[in-house]
């Protein structure tokens, strides 16, 4: 296991945590969509799914770009 002072390990853990949180949020949104009986519940579930997909697609890429080593 890498040392605690290694910034790469912390950054990798952050990216992995963001991906896991996005996947859990998407699953929660799908469950909410499936159990909703009214339009408001379905809209909230769809919003959660869309925002989780956006988070999975953009946030890790933006952080990796920000943390990239200079050439």
N, C-alpha and C. Protein backbone atom coordinates (compact mmCIF):
# COMPACT_ATOMS: atom_id res chain seq x y z
N UNK A 1 0.84 -1.17 0.00
CA UNK A 1 0.00 0.00 0.00
C UNK A 1 0.89 1.23 0.00
N UNK A 2 0.57 2.20 -0.84
CA UNK A 2 1.41 3.41 -0.90
C UNK A 2 1.38 4.16 0.42
N UNK A 3 2.41 4.95 0.61
CA UNK A 3 2.51 5.73 1.83
C UNK A 3 1.39 6.76 1.93
N UNK A 4 1.12 7.17 3.12
CA UNK A 4 0.05 8.14 3.37
C UNK A 4 0.40 9.49 2.76
N UNK A 5 1.68 9.81 2.65
CA UNK A 5 2.10 11.10 2.14
C UNK A 5 2.07 11.17 0.62
N UNK A 6 1.79 10.07 -0.04
CA UNK A 6 1.75 10.05 -1.50
C UNK A 6 0.47 10.71 -1.99
N UNK A 7 0.55 11.86 -2.69
CA UNK A 7 -0.67 12.55 -3.12
C UNK A 7 -1.44 11.77 -4.19
N UNK A 8 -0.76 10.89 -4.93
CA UNK A 8 -1.44 10.13 -5.97
C UNK A 8 -2.47 9.18 -5.37
N UNK A 9 -2.16 8.59 -4.22
CA UNK A 9 -3.11 7.67 -3.60
C UNK A 9 -4.36 8.41 -3.14
N UNK A 10 -4.20 9.57 -2.54
CA UNK A 10 -5.36 10.36 -2.12
C UNK A 10 -6.21 10.80 -3.29
N UNK A 11 -5.57 11.17 -4.38
CA UNK A 11 -6.31 11.58 -5.56
C UNK A 11 -7.05 10.40 -6.18
N UNK A 12 -6.39 9.24 -6.22
CA UNK A 12 -7.06 8.05 -6.75
C UNK A 12 -8.27 7.69 -5.88
N UNK A 13 -8.11 7.75 -4.57
CA UNK A 13 -9.20 7.44 -3.66
C UNK A 13 -10.36 8.42 -3.84
N UNK A 14 -10.05 9.68 -4.06
CA UNK A 14 -11.09 10.69 -4.29
C UNK A 14 -11.85 10.39 -5.58
N UNK A 15 -11.13 10.09 -6.65
CA UNK A 15 -11.79 9.77 -7.93
C UNK A 15 -12.66 8.51 -7.80
N UNK A 16 -12.15 7.50 -7.10
CA UNK A 16 -12.93 6.28 -6.91
C UNK A 16 -14.17 6.56 -6.07
N UNK A 17 -14.03 7.36 -5.04
CA UNK A 17 -15.18 7.71 -4.20
C UNK A 17 -16.24 8.48 -4.96
N UNK A 18 -15.82 9.37 -5.83
CA UNK A 18 -16.78 10.13 -6.63
C UNK A 18 -17.53 9.20 -7.58
N UNK A 19 -16.81 8.28 -8.19
CA UNK A 19 -17.48 7.32 -9.10
C UNK A 19 -18.46 6.44 -8.34
N UNK A 20 -18.09 5.98 -7.17
CA UNK A 20 -18.98 5.13 -6.37
C UNK A 20 -20.20 5.92 -5.92
N UNK A 21 -19.99 7.15 -5.47
CA UNK A 21 -21.12 7.99 -5.04
C UNK A 21 -22.08 8.26 -6.20
N UNK A 22 -21.53 8.48 -7.39
CA UNK A 22 -22.38 8.69 -8.56
C UNK A 22 -23.19 7.45 -8.90
N UNK A 23 -22.56 6.29 -8.82
CA UNK A 23 -23.27 5.04 -9.11
C UNK A 23 -24.37 4.78 -8.08
N UNK A 24 -24.08 5.03 -6.82
CA UNK A 24 -25.10 4.85 -5.78
C UNK A 24 -26.25 5.85 -5.96
N UNK A 25 -25.90 7.08 -6.32
CA UNK A 25 -26.94 8.08 -6.58
C UNK A 25 -27.82 7.69 -7.76
N UNK A 26 -27.20 7.17 -8.81
CA UNK A 26 -27.97 6.71 -9.96
C UNK A 26 -28.89 5.56 -9.61
N UNK A 27 -28.39 4.63 -8.82
CA UNK A 27 -29.23 3.50 -8.39
C UNK A 27 -30.39 3.99 -7.52
N UNK A 28 -30.12 4.94 -6.64
CA UNK A 28 -31.19 5.51 -5.82
C UNK A 28 -32.25 6.19 -6.68
N UNK A 29 -31.81 6.91 -7.70
CA UNK A 29 -32.75 7.57 -8.60
C UNK A 29 -33.60 6.59 -9.37
N UNK A 30 -33.01 5.48 -9.79
CA UNK A 30 -33.77 4.45 -10.51
C UNK A 30 -34.81 3.81 -9.59
N UNK A 31 -34.42 3.54 -8.35
CA UNK A 31 -35.38 2.98 -7.39
C UNK A 31 -36.51 3.97 -7.14
N UNK A 32 -36.16 5.23 -7.00
CA UNK A 32 -37.18 6.26 -6.80
C UNK A 32 -38.12 6.35 -8.00
N UNK A 33 -37.55 6.26 -9.20
CA UNK A 33 -38.38 6.27 -10.41
C UNK A 33 -39.34 5.08 -10.43
N UNK A 34 -38.85 3.93 -10.06
CA UNK A 34 -39.68 2.72 -10.10
C UNK A 34 -40.77 2.69 -9.06
N UNK A 35 -40.55 3.34 -7.92
CA UNK A 35 -41.54 3.30 -6.84
C UNK A 35 -42.46 4.50 -6.81
N UNK A 36 -42.20 5.51 -7.66
CA UNK A 36 -43.00 6.73 -7.63
C UNK A 36 -44.37 6.49 -8.24
N UNK A 37 -45.38 7.06 -7.59
CA UNK A 37 -46.74 6.92 -8.07
C UNK A 37 -47.28 8.20 -8.70
N UNK A 38 -46.55 9.28 -8.49
CA UNK A 38 -47.02 10.56 -9.03
C UNK A 38 -45.92 11.19 -9.89
N UNK A 39 -46.28 12.23 -10.59
CA UNK A 39 -45.35 12.89 -11.51
C UNK A 39 -44.19 13.54 -10.77
N UNK A 40 -44.45 14.11 -9.61
CA UNK A 40 -43.38 14.79 -8.87
C UNK A 40 -42.29 13.80 -8.46
N UNK A 41 -42.66 12.64 -7.99
CA UNK A 41 -41.69 11.62 -7.62
C UNK A 41 -40.88 11.14 -8.81
N UNK A 42 -41.54 10.99 -9.94
CA UNK A 42 -40.82 10.56 -11.15
C UNK A 42 -39.86 11.63 -11.63
N UNK A 43 -40.27 12.89 -11.53
CA UNK A 43 -39.37 13.97 -11.95
C UNK A 43 -38.15 14.07 -11.03
N UNK A 44 -38.37 13.89 -9.75
CA UNK A 44 -37.25 13.92 -8.81
C UNK A 44 -36.31 12.75 -9.09
N UNK A 45 -36.86 11.57 -9.30
CA UNK A 45 -36.03 10.40 -9.61
C UNK A 45 -35.24 10.58 -10.90
N UNK A 46 -35.89 11.12 -11.94
CA UNK A 46 -35.20 11.36 -13.20
C UNK A 46 -34.11 12.40 -13.03
N UNK A 47 -34.38 13.44 -12.24
CA UNK A 47 -33.36 14.45 -11.98
C UNK A 47 -32.15 13.89 -11.26
N UNK A 48 -32.39 13.00 -10.31
CA UNK A 48 -31.29 12.38 -9.58
C UNK A 48 -30.46 11.51 -10.51
N UNK A 49 -31.13 10.74 -11.38
CA UNK A 49 -30.41 9.88 -12.32
C UNK A 49 -29.57 10.72 -13.28
N UNK A 50 -30.15 11.77 -13.82
CA UNK A 50 -29.43 12.62 -14.77
C UNK A 50 -28.24 13.30 -14.09
N UNK A 51 -28.44 13.81 -12.88
CA UNK A 51 -27.33 14.47 -12.20
C UNK A 51 -26.23 13.48 -11.80
N UNK A 52 -26.60 12.26 -11.45
CA UNK A 52 -25.60 11.24 -11.12
C UNK A 52 -24.80 10.86 -12.36
N UNK A 53 -25.47 10.72 -13.49
CA UNK A 53 -24.74 10.41 -14.73
C UNK A 53 -23.81 11.55 -15.11
N UNK A 54 -24.26 12.78 -14.94
CA UNK A 54 -23.41 13.93 -15.24
C UNK A 54 -22.19 13.93 -14.31
N UNK A 55 -22.42 13.63 -13.04
CA UNK A 55 -21.32 13.61 -12.08
C UNK A 55 -20.30 12.53 -12.44
N UNK A 56 -20.77 11.35 -12.82
CA UNK A 56 -19.86 10.27 -13.18
C UNK A 56 -19.05 10.63 -14.43
N UNK A 57 -19.68 11.34 -15.36
CA UNK A 57 -19.02 11.63 -16.63
C UNK A 57 -18.08 12.83 -16.56
N UNK A 58 -18.35 13.81 -15.74
CA UNK A 58 -17.57 15.05 -15.82
C UNK A 58 -16.65 15.32 -14.65
N UNK A 59 -17.06 15.02 -13.45
CA UNK A 59 -16.27 15.41 -12.28
C UNK A 59 -14.92 14.70 -12.22
N UNK A 60 -14.83 13.37 -12.40
CA UNK A 60 -13.50 12.75 -12.36
C UNK A 60 -12.57 13.27 -13.47
N UNK A 61 -13.11 13.52 -14.64
CA UNK A 61 -12.29 14.04 -15.74
C UNK A 61 -11.78 15.44 -15.41
N UNK A 62 -12.63 16.28 -14.84
CA UNK A 62 -12.20 17.63 -14.48
C UNK A 62 -11.13 17.61 -13.39
N UNK A 63 -11.30 16.75 -12.40
CA UNK A 63 -10.29 16.67 -11.34
C UNK A 63 -8.98 16.10 -11.87
N UNK A 64 -9.05 15.10 -12.73
CA UNK A 64 -7.83 14.54 -13.31
C UNK A 64 -7.10 15.60 -14.14
N UNK A 65 -7.86 16.41 -14.85
CA UNK A 65 -7.24 17.49 -15.63
C UNK A 65 -6.58 18.51 -14.71
N UNK A 66 -7.24 18.82 -13.62
CA UNK A 66 -6.70 19.79 -12.66
C UNK A 66 -5.45 19.26 -11.96
N UNK A 67 -5.41 17.96 -11.70
CA UNK A 67 -4.31 17.36 -10.96
C UNK A 67 -3.19 16.87 -11.88
N UNK A 68 -3.31 17.02 -13.17
CA UNK A 68 -2.31 16.53 -14.10
C UNK A 68 -0.96 17.19 -13.82
N UNK A 69 0.10 16.40 -13.92
CA UNK A 69 1.44 16.93 -13.70
C UNK A 69 1.85 17.82 -14.86
N UNK A 70 2.59 18.88 -14.57
CA UNK A 70 3.07 19.73 -15.66
C UNK A 70 4.10 18.98 -16.51
N UNK A 71 4.12 19.31 -17.79
CA UNK A 71 5.06 18.61 -18.70
C UNK A 71 6.44 19.21 -18.62
